Amino acid sequence: MTVKEIRFNANTDTHDIEFKTKHLKQFLMDGHKVKATVLYKGRMITHPEFGRKLMEEILEKLLEVGKIESPPKLEGKMLTTYLVPDKNKITVYKTKLEKENKQIAQVPNTEPAENK
């Protein structure tokens, strides 16, 4: 088991959060331990609540495939937490994805044919 780390900035955009948490979720599903870090730059450390809110959002998205090994801890200008894969949650998540894919495959194509 290796540790995979992804760093976030305290004011990371929502699309970037989605993109990075998708990668973290895949790391957990592959069986890796994950380290999520929120970095504070410059005077952003005066408002640690922004980073905490971001970390809560990240954890909310990752808890469907993993569990928290250590809660978020502020060390200097970095807010860090570790997650480990939870095999039971991963199997439930994979079956949920398979069901969704089957439902998408069963929907008939209702687009109108082009007139030539």
PDB file of N, CA and C in Angstrom:
ATOM      1  N   MET A   1       0.847  -1.171   0.000  1.00  0.00           N
ATOM      2  CA  MET A   1       0.000   0.000   0.000  1.00  0.00           C
ATOM      3  C   MET A   1       0.891   1.232   0.000  1.00  0.00           C
ATOM      4  N   THR A   2       0.728   2.064  -0.999  1.00  0.00           N
ATOM      5  CA  THR A   2       1.503   3.294  -1.086  1.00  0.00           C
ATOM      6  C   THR A   2       0.612   4.474  -0.721  1.00  0.00           C
ATOM      7  N   VAL A   3       1.231   5.583  -0.356  1.00  0.00           N
ATOM      8  CA  VAL A   3       0.502   6.791  -0.004  1.00  0.00           C
ATOM      9  C   VAL A   3       0.492   7.719  -1.215  1.00  0.00           C
ATOM     10  N   LYS A   4      -0.700   8.077  -1.649  1.00  0.00           N
ATOM     11  CA  LYS A   4      -0.872   9.031  -2.749  1.00  0.00           C
ATOM     12  C   LYS A   4      -1.341  10.350  -2.147  1.00  0.00           C
ATOM     13  N   GLU A   5      -0.729  11.454  -2.586  1.00  0.00           N
ATOM     14  CA  GLU A   5      -1.075  12.757  -2.029  1.00  0.00           C
ATOM     15  C   GLU A   5      -1.537  13.695  -3.125  1.00  0.00           C
ATOM     16  N   ILE A   6      -2.580  14.436  -2.823  1.00  0.00           N
ATOM     17  CA  ILE A   6      -3.027  15.517  -3.710  1.00  0.00           C
ATOM     18  C   ILE A   6      -3.198  16.752  -2.844  1.00  0.00           C
ATOM     19  N   ARG A   7      -2.677  17.866  -3.341  1.00  0.00           N
ATOM     20  CA  ARG A   7      -2.712  19.123  -2.600  1.00  0.00           C
ATOM     21  C   ARG A   7      -3.760  20.055  -3.196  1.00  0.00           C
ATOM     22  N   PHE A   8      -4.414  20.758  -2.323  1.00  0.00           N
ATOM     23  CA  PHE A   8      -5.408  21.750  -2.696  1.00  0.00           C
ATOM     24  C   PHE A   8      -4.972  23.093  -2.137  1.00  0.00           C
ATOM     25  N   ASN A   9      -5.389  24.155  -2.777  1.00  0.00           N
ATOM     26  CA  ASN A   9      -5.198  25.496  -2.257  1.00  0.00           C
ATOM     27  C   ASN A   9      -6.473  25.856  -1.506  1.00  0.00           C
ATOM     28  N   ALA A  10      -6.405  26.733  -0.540  1.00  0.00           N
ATOM     29  CA  ALA A  10      -7.581  27.073   0.262  1.00  0.00           C
ATOM     30  C   ALA A  10      -8.688  27.708  -0.569  1.00  0.00           C
ATOM     31  N   ASN A  11      -8.367  28.281  -1.705  1.00  0.00           N
ATOM     32  CA  ASN A  11      -9.396  28.877  -2.565  1.00  0.00           C
ATOM     33  C   ASN A  11      -9.460  28.171  -3.920  1.00  0.00           C
ATOM     34  N   THR A  12      -9.368  26.852  -3.920  1.00  0.00           N
ATOM     35  CA  THR A  12      -9.447  26.062  -5.138  1.00  0.00           C
ATOM     36  C   THR A  12     -10.859  26.139  -5.711  1.00  0.00           C
ATOM     37  N   ASP A  13     -10.954  26.202  -7.038  1.00  0.00           N
ATOM     38  CA  ASP A  13     -12.235  26.302  -7.730  1.00  0.00           C
ATOM     39  C   ASP A  13     -12.994  24.977  -7.665  1.00  0.00           C
ATOM     40  N   THR A  14     -14.307  25.026  -7.827  1.00  0.00           N
ATOM     41  CA  THR A  14     -15.140  23.830  -7.690  1.00  0.00           C
ATOM     42  C   THR A  14     -14.805  22.765  -8.733  1.00  0.00           C
ATOM     43  N   HIS A  15     -14.519  23.159  -9.961  1.00  0.00           N
ATOM     44  CA  HIS A  15     -14.177  22.174 -10.991  1.00  0.00           C
ATOM     45  C   HIS A  15     -12.891  21.442 -10.637  1.00  0.00           C
ATOM     46  N   ASP A  16     -11.908  22.175 -10.141  1.00  0.00           N
ATOM     47  CA  ASP A  16     -10.642  21.558  -9.745  1.00  0.00           C
ATOM     48  C   ASP A  16     -10.832  20.616  -8.557  1.00  0.00           C
ATOM     49  N   ILE A  17     -11.728  20.977  -7.647  1.00  0.00           N
ATOM     50  CA  ILE A  17     -12.023  20.109  -6.513  1.00  0.00           C
ATOM     51  C   ILE A  17     -12.627  18.801  -7.015  1.00  0.00           C
ATOM     52  N   GLU A  18     -13.588  18.902  -7.930  1.00  0.00           N
ATOM     53  CA  GLU A  18     -14.220  17.699  -8.493  1.00  0.00           C
ATOM     54  C   GLU A  18     -13.181  16.819  -9.179  1.00  0.00           C
ATOM     55  N   PHE A  19     -12.324  17.437  -9.969  1.00  0.00           N
ATOM     56  CA  PHE A  19     -11.309  16.703 -10.728  1.00  0.00           C
ATOM     57  C   PHE A  19     -10.341  15.975  -9.792  1.00  0.00           C
ATOM     58  N   LYS A  20      -9.856  16.681  -8.774  1.00  0.00           N
ATOM     59  CA  LYS A  20      -8.876  16.092  -7.869  1.00  0.00           C
ATOM     60  C   LYS A  20      -9.495  15.034  -6.958  1.00  0.00           C
ATOM     61  N   THR A  21     -10.724  15.258  -6.485  1.00  0.00           N
ATOM     62  CA  THR A  21     -11.360  14.245  -5.646  1.00  0.00           C
ATOM     63  C   THR A  21     -11.707  12.998  -6.449  1.00  0.00           C
ATOM     64  N   LYS A  22     -11.956  13.162  -7.728  1.00  0.00           N
ATOM     65  CA  LYS A  22     -12.184  11.990  -8.594  1.00  0.00           C
ATOM     66  C   LYS A  22     -10.922  11.127  -8.633  1.00  0.00           C
ATOM     67  N   HIS A  23      -9.769  11.752  -8.721  1.00  0.00           N
ATOM     68  CA  HIS A  23      -8.499  11.018  -8.709  1.00  0.00           C
ATOM     69  C   HIS A  23      -8.262  10.362  -7.343  1.00  0.00           C
ATOM     70  N   LEU A  24      -8.540  11.090  -6.268  1.00  0.00           N
ATOM     71  CA  LEU A  24      -8.382  10.525  -4.931  1.00  0.00           C
ATOM     72  C   LEU A  24      -9.283   9.308  -4.739  1.00  0.00           C
ATOM     73  N   LYS A  25     -10.512   9.403  -5.240  1.00  0.00           N
ATOM     74  CA  LYS A  25     -11.445   8.284  -5.126  1.00  0.00           C
ATOM     75  C   LYS A  25     -10.918   7.071  -5.890  1.00  0.00           C
ATOM     76  N   GLN A  26     -10.325   7.310  -7.059  1.00  0.00           N
ATOM     77  CA  GLN A  26      -9.767   6.204  -7.836  1.00  0.00           C
ATOM     78  C   GLN A  26      -8.573   5.580  -7.109  1.00  0.00           C
ATOM     79  N   PHE A  27      -7.745   6.402  -6.480  1.00  0.00           N
ATOM     80  CA  PHE A  27      -6.620   5.874  -5.700  1.00  0.00           C
ATOM     81  C   PHE A  27      -7.126   4.965  -4.581  1.00  0.00           C
ATOM     82  N   LEU A  28      -8.184   5.402  -3.884  1.00  0.00           N
ATOM     83  CA  LEU A  28      -8.747   4.588  -2.811  1.00  0.00           C
ATOM     84  C   LEU A  28      -9.309   3.283  -3.355  1.00  0.00           C
ATOM     85  N   MET A  29      -9.965   3.342  -4.504  1.00  0.00           N
ATOM     86  CA  MET A  29     -10.526   2.130  -5.095  1.00  0.00           C
ATOM     87  C   MET A  29      -9.435   1.173  -5.558  1.00  0.00           C
ATOM     88  N   ASP A  30      -8.262   1.703  -5.878  1.00  0.00           N
ATOM     89  CA  ASP A  30      -7.129   0.859  -6.262  1.00  0.00           C
ATOM     90  C   ASP A  30      -6.408   0.286  -5.050  1.00  0.00           C
ATOM     91  N   GLY A  31      -6.804   0.694  -3.837  1.00  0.00           N
ATOM     92  CA  GLY A  31      -6.229   0.140  -2.621  1.00  0.00           C
ATOM     93  C   GLY A  31      -5.095   0.946  -2.022  1.00  0.00           C
ATOM     94  N   HIS A  32      -4.920   2.189  -2.446  1.00  0.00           N
ATOM     95  CA  HIS A  32      -3.848   3.028  -1.917  1.00  0.00           C
ATOM     96  C   HIS A  32      -4.353   3.866  -0.746  1.00  0.00           C
ATOM     97  N   LYS A  33      -3.446   4.205   0.142  1.00  0.00           N
ATOM     98  CA  LYS A  33      -3.720   5.144   1.213  1.00  0.00           C
ATOM     99  C   LYS A  33      -3.628   6.545   0.609  1.00  0.00           C
ATOM    100  N   VAL A  34      -4.466   7.459   1.069  1.00  0.00           N
ATOM    101  CA  VAL A  34      -4.545   8.783   0.453  1.00  0.00           C
ATOM    102  C   VAL A  34      -4.283   9.858   1.497  1.00  0.00           C
ATOM    103  N   LYS A  35      -3.497  10.862   1.082  1.00  0.00           N
ATOM    104  CA  LYS A  35      -3.232  12.038   1.916  1.00  0.00           C
ATOM    105  C   LYS A  35      -3.771  13.254   1.179  1.00  0.00           C
ATOM    106  N   ALA A  36      -4.739  13.933   1.785  1.00  0.00           N
ATOM    107  CA  ALA A  36      -5.292  15.155   1.205  1.00  0.00           C
ATOM    108  C   ALA A  36      -4.765  16.333   2.007  1.00  0.00           C
ATOM    109  N   THR A  37      -4.192  17.317   1.309  1.00  0.00           N
ATOM    110  CA  THR A  37      -3.573  18.463   1.963  1.00  0.00           C
ATOM    111  C   THR A  37      -4.146  19.755   1.406  1.00  0.00           C
ATOM    112  N   VAL A  38      -4.507  20.659   2.294  1.00  0.00           N
ATOM    113  CA  VAL A  38      -4.925  22.011   1.908  1.00  0.00           C
ATOM    114  C   VAL A  38      -3.808  22.950   2.332  1.00  0.00           C
ATOM    115  N   LEU A  39      -3.238  23.664   1.358  1.00  0.00           N
ATOM    116  CA  LEU A  39      -2.142  24.593   1.622  1.00  0.00           C
ATOM    117  C   LEU A  39      -2.678  26.013   1.764  1.00  0.00           C
ATOM    118  N   TYR A  40      -2.168  26.720   2.763  1.00  0.00           N
ATOM    119  CA  TYR A  40      -2.475  28.134   2.941  1.00  0.00           C
ATOM    120  C   TYR A  40      -1.272  28.925   2.464  1.00  0.00           C
ATOM    121  N   LYS A  41      -1.510  29.889   1.583  1.00  0.00           N
ATOM    122  CA  LYS A  41      -0.415  30.707   1.071  1.00  0.00           C
ATOM    123  C   LYS A  41      -0.568  32.137   1.576  1.00  0.00           C
ATOM    124  N   GLY A  42       0.542  32.708   1.942  1.00  0.00           N
ATOM    125  CA  GLY A  42       0.551  34.106   2.377  1.00  0.00           C
ATOM    126  C   GLY A  42      -0.319  34.346   3.591  1.00  0.00           C
ATOM    127  N   ARG A  43      -1.205  35.307   3.477  1.00  0.00           N
ATOM    128  CA  ARG A  43      -2.051  35.686   4.614  1.00  0.00           C
ATOM    129  C   ARG A  43      -3.339  34.870   4.702  1.00  0.00           C
ATOM    130  N   MET A  44      -3.464  33.848   3.875  1.00  0.00           N
ATOM    131  CA  MET A  44      -4.663  33.020   3.916  1.00  0.00           C
ATOM    132  C   MET A  44      -4.776  32.265   5.237  1.00  0.00           C
ATOM    133  N   ILE A  45      -3.689  32.098   5.942  1.00  0.00           N
ATOM    134  CA  ILE A  45      -3.687  31.388   7.225  1.00  0.00           C
ATOM    135  C   ILE A  45      -4.505  32.140   8.277  1.00  0.00           C
ATOM    136  N   THR A  46      -4.755  33.437   8.053  1.00  0.00           N
ATOM    137  CA  THR A  46      -5.573  34.202   8.991  1.00  0.00           C
ATOM    138  C   THR A  46      -7.044  33.801   8.928  1.00  0.00           C
ATOM    139  N   HIS A  47      -7.434  33.058   7.876  1.00  0.00           N
ATOM    140  CA  HIS A  47      -8.806  32.565   7.734  1.00  0.00           C
ATOM    141  C   HIS A  47      -8.792  31.049   7.531  1.00  0.00           C
ATOM    142  N   PRO A  48      -8.471  30.297   8.575  1.00  0.00           N
ATOM    143  CA  PRO A  48      -8.395  28.844   8.425  1.00  0.00           C
ATOM    144  C   PRO A  48      -9.749  28.185   8.164  1.00  0.00           C
ATOM    145  N   GLU A  49     -10.841  28.915   8.392  1.00  0.00           N
ATOM    146  CA  GLU A  49     -12.166  28.340   8.172  1.00  0.00           C
ATOM    147  C   GLU A  49     -12.417  28.008   6.694  1.00  0.00           C
ATOM    148  N   PHE A  50     -11.772  28.735   5.772  1.00  0.00           N
ATOM    149  CA  PHE A  50     -11.923  28.431   4.348  1.00  0.00           C
ATOM    150  C   PHE A  50     -11.348  27.059   4.017  1.00  0.00           C
ATOM    151  N   GLY A  51     -10.185  26.775   4.547  1.00  0.00           N
ATOM    152  CA  GLY A  51      -9.557  25.483   4.318  1.00  0.00           C
ATOM    153  C   GLY A  51     -10.306  24.354   4.988  1.00  0.00           C
ATOM    154  N   ARG A  52     -10.827  24.609   6.182  1.00  0.00           N
ATOM    155  CA  ARG A  52     -11.604  23.581   6.891  1.00  0.00           C
ATOM    156  C   ARG A  52     -12.878  23.240   6.119  1.00  0.00           C
ATOM    157  N   LYS A  53     -13.534  24.260   5.583  1.00  0.00           N
ATOM    158  CA  LYS A  53     -14.745  24.033   4.789  1.00  0.00           C
ATOM    159  C   LYS A  53     -14.417  23.207   3.552  1.00  0.00           C
ATOM    160  N   LEU A  54     -13.315  23.529   2.897  1.00  0.00           N
ATOM    161  CA  LEU A  54     -12.876  22.775   1.730  1.00  0.00           C
ATOM    162  C   LEU A  54     -12.561  21.331   2.102  1.00  0.00           C
ATOM    163  N   MET A  55     -11.884  21.123   3.224  1.00  0.00           N
ATOM    164  CA  MET A  55     -11.538  19.770   3.656  1.00  0.00           C
ATOM    165  C   MET A  55     -12.793  18.955   3.967  1.00  0.00           C
ATOM    166  N   GLU A  56     -13.797  19.592   4.586  1.00  0.00           N
ATOM    167  CA  GLU A  56     -15.054  18.892   4.858  1.00  0.00           C
ATOM    168  C   GLU A  56     -15.727  18.459   3.566  1.00  0.00           C
ATOM    169  N   GLU A  57     -15.682  19.317   2.551  1.00  0.00           N
ATOM    170  CA  GLU A  57     -16.260  18.990   1.251  1.00  0.00           C
ATOM    171  C   GLU A  57     -15.528  17.811   0.598  1.00  0.00           C
ATOM    172  N   ILE A  58     -14.211  17.808   0.690  1.00  0.00           N
ATOM    173  CA  ILE A  58     -13.406  16.727   0.128  1.00  0.00           C
ATOM    174  C   ILE A  58     -13.722  15.416   0.843  1.00  0.00           C
ATOM    175  N   LEU A  59     -13.753  15.451   2.173  1.00  0.00           N
ATOM    176  CA  LEU A  59     -14.025  14.244   2.953  1.00  0.00           C
ATOM    177  C   LEU A  59     -15.420  13.699   2.681  1.00  0.00           C
ATOM    178  N   GLU A  60     -16.380  14.590   2.504  1.00  0.00           N
ATOM    179  CA  GLU A  60     -17.748  14.162   2.211  1.00  0.00           C
ATOM    180  C   GLU A  60     -17.801  13.346   0.920  1.00  0.00           C
ATOM    181  N   LYS A  61     -17.031  13.753  -0.061  1.00  0.00           N
ATOM    182  CA  LYS A  61     -17.014  13.051  -1.349  1.00  0.00           C
ATOM    183  C   LYS A  61     -16.240  11.743  -1.282  1.00  0.00           C
ATOM    184  N   LEU A  62     -15.240  11.666  -0.414  1.00  0.00           N
ATOM    185  CA  LEU A  62     -14.395  10.474  -0.354  1.00  0.00           C
ATOM    186  C   LEU A  62     -14.879   9.425   0.629  1.00  0.00           C
ATOM    187  N   LEU A  63     -15.781   9.767   1.518  1.00  0.00           N
ATOM    188  CA  LEU A  63     -16.217   8.816   2.537  1.00  0.00           C
ATOM    189  C   LEU A  63     -17.092   7.698   1.977  1.00  0.00           C
ATOM    190  N   GLU A  64     -17.513   7.783   0.701  1.00  0.00           N
ATOM    191  CA  GLU A  64     -18.282   6.682   0.127  1.00  0.00           C
ATOM    192  C   GLU A  64     -17.393   5.526  -0.320  1.00  0.00           C
ATOM    193  N   VAL A  65     -16.063   5.711  -0.343  1.00  0.00           N
ATOM    194  CA  VAL A  65     -15.147   4.612  -0.680  1.00  0.00           C
ATOM    195  C   VAL A  65     -14.018   4.443   0.329  1.00  0.00           C
ATOM    196  N   GLY A  66     -13.912   5.329   1.303  1.00  0.00           N
ATOM    197  CA  GLY A  66     -12.807   5.237   2.251  1.00  0.00           C
ATOM    198  C   GLY A  66     -13.234   5.625   3.651  1.00  0.00           C
ATOM    199  N   LYS A  67     -12.299   5.492   4.574  1.00  0.00           N
ATOM    200  CA  LYS A  67     -12.562   5.926   5.942  1.00  0.00           C
ATOM    201  C   LYS A  67     -11.377   6.749   6.430  1.00  0.00           C
ATOM    202  N   ILE A  68     -11.652   7.639   7.361  1.00  0.00           N
ATOM    203  CA  ILE A  68     -10.638   8.558   7.866  1.00  0.00           C
ATOM    204  C   ILE A  68      -9.708   7.808   8.814  1.00  0.00           C
ATOM    205  N   GLU A  69      -8.414   7.863   8.507  1.00  0.00           N
ATOM    206  CA  GLU A  69      -7.426   7.267   9.399  1.00  0.00           C
ATOM    207  C   GLU A  69      -7.012   8.269  10.475  1.00  0.00           C
ATOM    208  N   SER A  70      -6.805   9.525  10.055  1.00  0.00           N
ATOM    209  CA  SER A  70      -6.509  10.580  11.020  1.00  0.00           C
ATOM    210  C   SER A  70      -7.325  11.813  10.633  1.00  0.00           C
ATOM    211  N   PRO A  71      -7.958  12.462  11.593  1.00  0.00           N
ATOM    212  CA  PRO A  71      -8.780  13.631  11.281  1.00  0.00           C
ATOM    213  C   PRO A  71      -7.911  14.787  10.778  1.00  0.00           C
ATOM    214  N   PRO A  72      -8.534  15.772  10.112  1.00  0.00           N
ATOM    215  CA  PRO A  72      -7.767  16.917   9.619  1.00  0.00           C
ATOM    216  C   PRO A  72      -7.019  17.622  10.748  1.00  0.00           C
ATOM    217  N   LYS A  73      -5.724  17.860  10.500  1.00  0.00           N
ATOM    218  CA  LYS A  73      -4.874  18.492  11.506  1.00  0.00           C
ATOM    219  C   LYS A  73      -4.088  19.617  10.850  1.00  0.00           C
ATOM    220  N   LEU A  74      -4.056  20.769  11.490  1.00  0.00           N
ATOM    221  CA  LEU A  74      -3.328  21.922  10.979  1.00  0.00           C
ATOM    222  C   LEU A  74      -1.909  21.893  11.509  1.00  0.00           C
ATOM    223  N   GLU A  75      -0.952  21.771  10.596  1.00  0.00           N
ATOM    224  CA  GLU A  75       0.472  21.780  10.935  1.00  0.00           C
ATOM    225  C   GLU A  75       1.137  22.887  10.138  1.00  0.00           C
ATOM    226  N   GLY A  76       1.453  23.972  10.802  1.00  0.00           N
ATOM    227  CA  GLY A  76       2.039  25.111  10.101  1.00  0.00           C
ATOM    228  C   GLY A  76       1.015  25.717   9.164  1.00  0.00           C
ATOM    229  N   LYS A  77       1.315  25.706   7.874  1.00  0.00           N
ATOM    230  CA  LYS A  77       0.393  26.243   6.872  1.00  0.00           C
ATOM    231  C   LYS A  77      -0.239  25.138   6.031  1.00  0.00           C
ATOM    232  N   MET A  78      -0.306  23.917   6.589  1.00  0.00           N
ATOM    233  CA  MET A  78      -0.908  22.802   5.867  1.00  0.00           C
ATOM    234  C   MET A  78      -1.955  22.117   6.744  1.00  0.00           C
ATOM    235  N   LEU A  79      -3.133  21.910   6.178  1.00  0.00           N
ATOM    236  CA  LEU A  79      -4.187  21.153   6.826  1.00  0.00           C
ATOM    237  C   LEU A  79      -4.191  19.778   6.170  1.00  0.00           C
ATOM    238  N   THR A  80      -3.901  18.732   6.930  1.00  0.00           N
ATOM    239  CA  THR A  80      -3.667  17.410   6.361  1.00  0.00           C
ATOM    240  C   THR A  80      -4.564  16.364   6.998  1.00  0.00           C
ATOM    241  N   THR A  81      -5.030  15.417   6.172  1.00  0.00           N
ATOM    242  CA  THR A  81      -5.779  14.265   6.652  1.00  0.00           C
ATOM    243  C   THR A  81      -5.399  13.040   5.836  1.00  0.00           C
ATOM    244  N   TYR A  82      -5.529  11.871   6.445  1.00  0.00           N
ATOM    245  CA  TYR A  82      -5.240  10.605   5.778  1.00  0.00           C
ATOM    246  C   TYR A  82      -6.516   9.779   5.701  1.00  0.00           C
ATOM    247  N   LEU A  83      -6.702   9.112   4.558  1.00  0.00           N
ATOM    248  CA  LEU A  83      -7.818   8.199   4.374  1.00  0.00           C
ATOM    249  C   LEU A  83      -7.289   6.856   3.909  1.00  0.00           C
ATOM    250  N   VAL A  84      -7.967   5.800   4.314  1.00  0.00           N
ATOM    251  CA  VAL A  84      -7.618   4.457   3.875  1.00  0.00           C
ATOM    252  C   VAL A  84      -8.835   3.852   3.183  1.00  0.00           C
ATOM    253  N   PRO A  85      -8.607   2.924   2.238  1.00  0.00           N
ATOM    254  CA  PRO A  85      -9.737   2.310   1.543  1.00  0.00           C
ATOM    255  C   PRO A  85     -10.560   1.427   2.476  1.00  0.00           C
ATOM    256  N   ASP A  86     -11.866   1.450   2.290  1.00  0.00           N
ATOM    257  CA  ASP A  86     -12.783   0.598   3.036  1.00  0.00           C
ATOM    258  C   ASP A  86     -13.388  -0.391   2.038  1.00  0.00           C
ATOM    259  N   LYS A  87     -13.000  -1.654   2.130  1.00  0.00           N
ATOM    260  CA  LYS A  87     -13.382  -2.653   1.137  1.00  0.00           C
ATOM    261  C   LYS A  87     -14.890  -2.816   1.024  1.00  0.00           C
ATOM    262  N   ASN A  88     -15.602  -2.765   2.133  1.00  0.00           N
ATOM    263  CA  ASN A  88     -17.060  -2.910   2.094  1.00  0.00           C
ATOM    264  C   ASN A  88     -17.705  -1.750   1.331  1.00  0.00           C
ATOM    265  N   LYS A  89     -17.269  -0.539   1.631  1.00  0.00           N
ATOM    266  CA  LYS A  89     -17.825   0.628   0.939  1.00  0.00           C
ATOM    267  C   LYS A  89     -17.477   0.604  -0.544  1.00  0.00           C
ATOM    268  N   ILE A  90     -16.293   0.129  -0.878  1.00  0.00           N
ATOM    269  CA  ILE A  90     -15.868   0.078  -2.279  1.00  0.00           C
ATOM    270  C   ILE A  90     -16.735  -0.899  -3.067  1.00  0.00           C
ATOM    271  N   THR A  91     -17.030  -2.068  -2.506  1.00  0.00           N
ATOM    272  CA  THR A  91     -17.878  -3.034  -3.219  1.00  0.00           C
ATOM    273  C   THR A  91     -19.285  -2.479  -3.412  1.00  0.00           C
ATOM    274  N   VAL A  92     -19.824  -1.802  -2.394  1.00  0.00           N
ATOM    275  CA  VAL A  92     -21.143  -1.186  -2.519  1.00  0.00           C
ATOM    276  C   VAL A  92     -21.120  -0.108  -3.593  1.00  0.00           C
ATOM    277  N   TYR A  93     -20.068   0.694  -3.616  1.00  0.00           N
ATOM    278  CA  TYR A  93     -19.941   1.771  -4.600  1.00  0.00           C
ATOM    279  C   TYR A  93     -19.830   1.202  -6.015  1.00  0.00           C
ATOM    280  N   LYS A  94     -19.062   0.122  -6.179  1.00  0.00           N
ATOM    281  CA  LYS A  94     -18.905  -0.486  -7.508  1.00  0.00           C
ATOM    282  C   LYS A  94     -20.218  -1.074  -8.007  1.00  0.00           C
ATOM    283  N   THR A  95     -20.987  -1.731  -7.137  1.00  0.00           N
ATOM    284  CA  THR A  95     -22.286  -2.271  -7.563  1.00  0.00           C
ATOM    285  C   THR A  95     -23.245  -1.145  -7.921  1.00  0.00           C
ATOM    286  N   LYS A  96     -23.176  -0.036  -7.193  1.00  0.00           N
ATOM    287  CA  LYS A  96     -24.012   1.125  -7.516  1.00  0.00           C
ATOM    288  C   LYS A  96     -23.659   1.659  -8.904  1.00  0.00           C
ATOM    289  N   LEU A  97     -22.360   1.753  -9.215  1.00  0.00           N
ATOM    290  CA  LEU A  97     -21.931   2.226 -10.528  1.00  0.00           C
ATOM    291  C   LEU A  97     -22.372   1.272 -11.640  1.00  0.00           C
ATOM    292  N   GLU A  98     -22.282  -0.030 -11.387  1.00  0.00           N
ATOM    293  CA  GLU A  98     -22.703  -1.017 -12.382  1.00  0.00           C
ATOM    294  C   GLU A  98     -24.195  -0.901 -12.667  1.00  0.00           C
ATOM    295  N   LYS A  99     -25.012  -0.704 -11.640  1.00  0.00           N
ATOM    296  CA  LYS A  99     -26.448  -0.532 -11.826  1.00  0.00           C
ATOM    297  C   LYS A  99     -26.746   0.709 -12.658  1.00  0.00           C
ATOM    298  N   GLU A 100     -26.046   1.797 -12.369  1.00  0.00           N
ATOM    299  CA  GLU A 100     -26.254   3.034 -13.131  1.00  0.00           C
ATOM    300  C   GLU A 100     -25.867   2.844 -14.583  1.00  0.00           C
ATOM    301  N   ASN A 101     -24.765   2.132 -14.836  1.00  0.00           N
ATOM    302  CA  ASN A 101     -24.332   1.894 -16.213  1.00  0.00           C
ATOM    303  C   ASN A 101     -25.325   1.013 -16.968  1.00  0.00           C
ATOM    304  N   LYS A 102     -25.906   0.023 -16.295  1.00  0.00           N
ATOM    305  CA  LYS A 102     -26.912  -0.832 -16.931  1.00  0.00           C
ATOM    306  C   LYS A 102     -28.155  -0.036 -17.281  1.00  0.00           C
ATOM    307  N   GLN A 103     -28.573   0.874 -16.393  1.00  0.00           N
ATOM    308  CA  GLN A 103     -29.748   1.690 -16.665  1.00  0.00           C
ATOM    309  C   GLN A 103     -29.503   2.626 -17.839  1.00  0.00           C
ATOM    310  N   ILE A 104     -28.302   3.155 -17.940  1.00  0.00           N
ATOM    311  CA  ILE A 104     -27.970   4.038 -19.056  1.00  0.00           C
ATOM    312  C   ILE A 104     -27.959   3.248 -20.359  1.00  0.00           C
ATOM    313  N   ALA A 105     -27.461   2.021 -20.333  1.00  0.00           N
ATOM    314  CA  ALA A 105     -27.395   1.189 -21.526  1.00  0.00           C
ATOM    315  C   ALA A 105     -28.781   0.756 -21.981  1.00  0.00           C
ATOM    316  N   GLN A 106     -29.757   0.649 -21.077  1.00  0.00           N
ATOM    317  CA  GLN A 106     -31.093   0.194 -21.434  1.00  0.00           C
ATOM    318  C   GLN A 106     -31.967   1.295 -22.007  1.00  0.00           C
ATOM    319  N   VAL A 107     -31.593   2.539 -21.856  1.00  0.00           N
ATOM    320  CA  VAL A 107     -32.380   3.649 -22.379  1.00  0.00           C
ATOM    321  C   VAL A 107     -32.255   3.655 -23.901  1.00  0.00           C
ATOM    322  N   PRO A 108     -33.397   3.564 -24.623  1.00  0.00           N
ATOM    323  CA  PRO A 108     -33.329   3.542 -26.096  1.00  0.00           C
ATOM    324  C   PRO A 108     -32.937   4.906 -26.655  1.00  0.00           C
ATOM    325  N   ASN A 109     -32.365   4.878 -27.811  1.00  0.00           N
ATOM    326  CA  ASN A 109     -31.950   6.099 -28.486  1.00  0.00           C
ATOM    327  C   ASN A 109     -33.190   6.742 -29.093  1.00  0.00           C
ATOM    328  N   THR A 110     -33.588   7.908 -28.612  1.00  0.00           N
ATOM    329  CA  THR A 110     -34.819   8.566 -29.059  1.00  0.00           C
ATOM    330  C   THR A 110     -34.555   9.768 -29.942  1.00  0.00           C
ATOM    331  N   GLU A 111     -33.344   9.877 -30.463  1.00  0.00           N
ATOM    332  CA  GLU A 111     -33.033  11.004 -31.330  1.00  0.00           C
ATOM    333  C   GLU A 111     -33.698  10.803 -32.685  1.00  0.00           C
ATOM    334  N   PRO A 112     -34.274  11.869 -33.258  1.00  0.00           N
ATOM    335  CA  PRO A 112     -34.923  11.734 -34.576  1.00  0.00           C
ATOM    336  C   PRO A 112     -33.904  11.498 -35.682  1.00  0.00           C
ATOM    337  N   ALA A 113     -34.280  10.701 -36.633  1.00  0.00           N
ATOM    338  CA  ALA A 113     -33.392  10.423 -37.770  1.00  0.00           C
ATOM    339  C   ALA A 113     -33.345  11.642 -38.673  1.00  0.00           C
ATOM    340  N   GLU A 114     -32.197  11.848 -39.295  1.00  0.00           N
ATOM    341  CA  GLU A 114     -32.038  12.995 -40.198  1.00  0.00           C
ATOM    342  C   GLU A 114     -32.760  12.705 -41.515  1.00  0.00           C
ATOM    343  N   ASN A 115     -33.410  13.721 -42.065  1.00  0.00           N
ATOM    344  CA  ASN A 115     -34.057  13.603 -43.358  1.00  0.00           C
ATOM    345  C   ASN A 115     -33.066  13.906 -44.446  1.00  0.00           C
ATOM    346  N   LYS A 116     -32.977  13.004 -45.426  1.00  0.00           N
ATOM    347  CA  LYS A 116     -32.016  13.220 -46.507  1.00  0.00           C
ATOM    348  C   LYS A 116     -32.730  13.511 -47.795  1.00  0.00           C
TER     349      LYS A 116
END
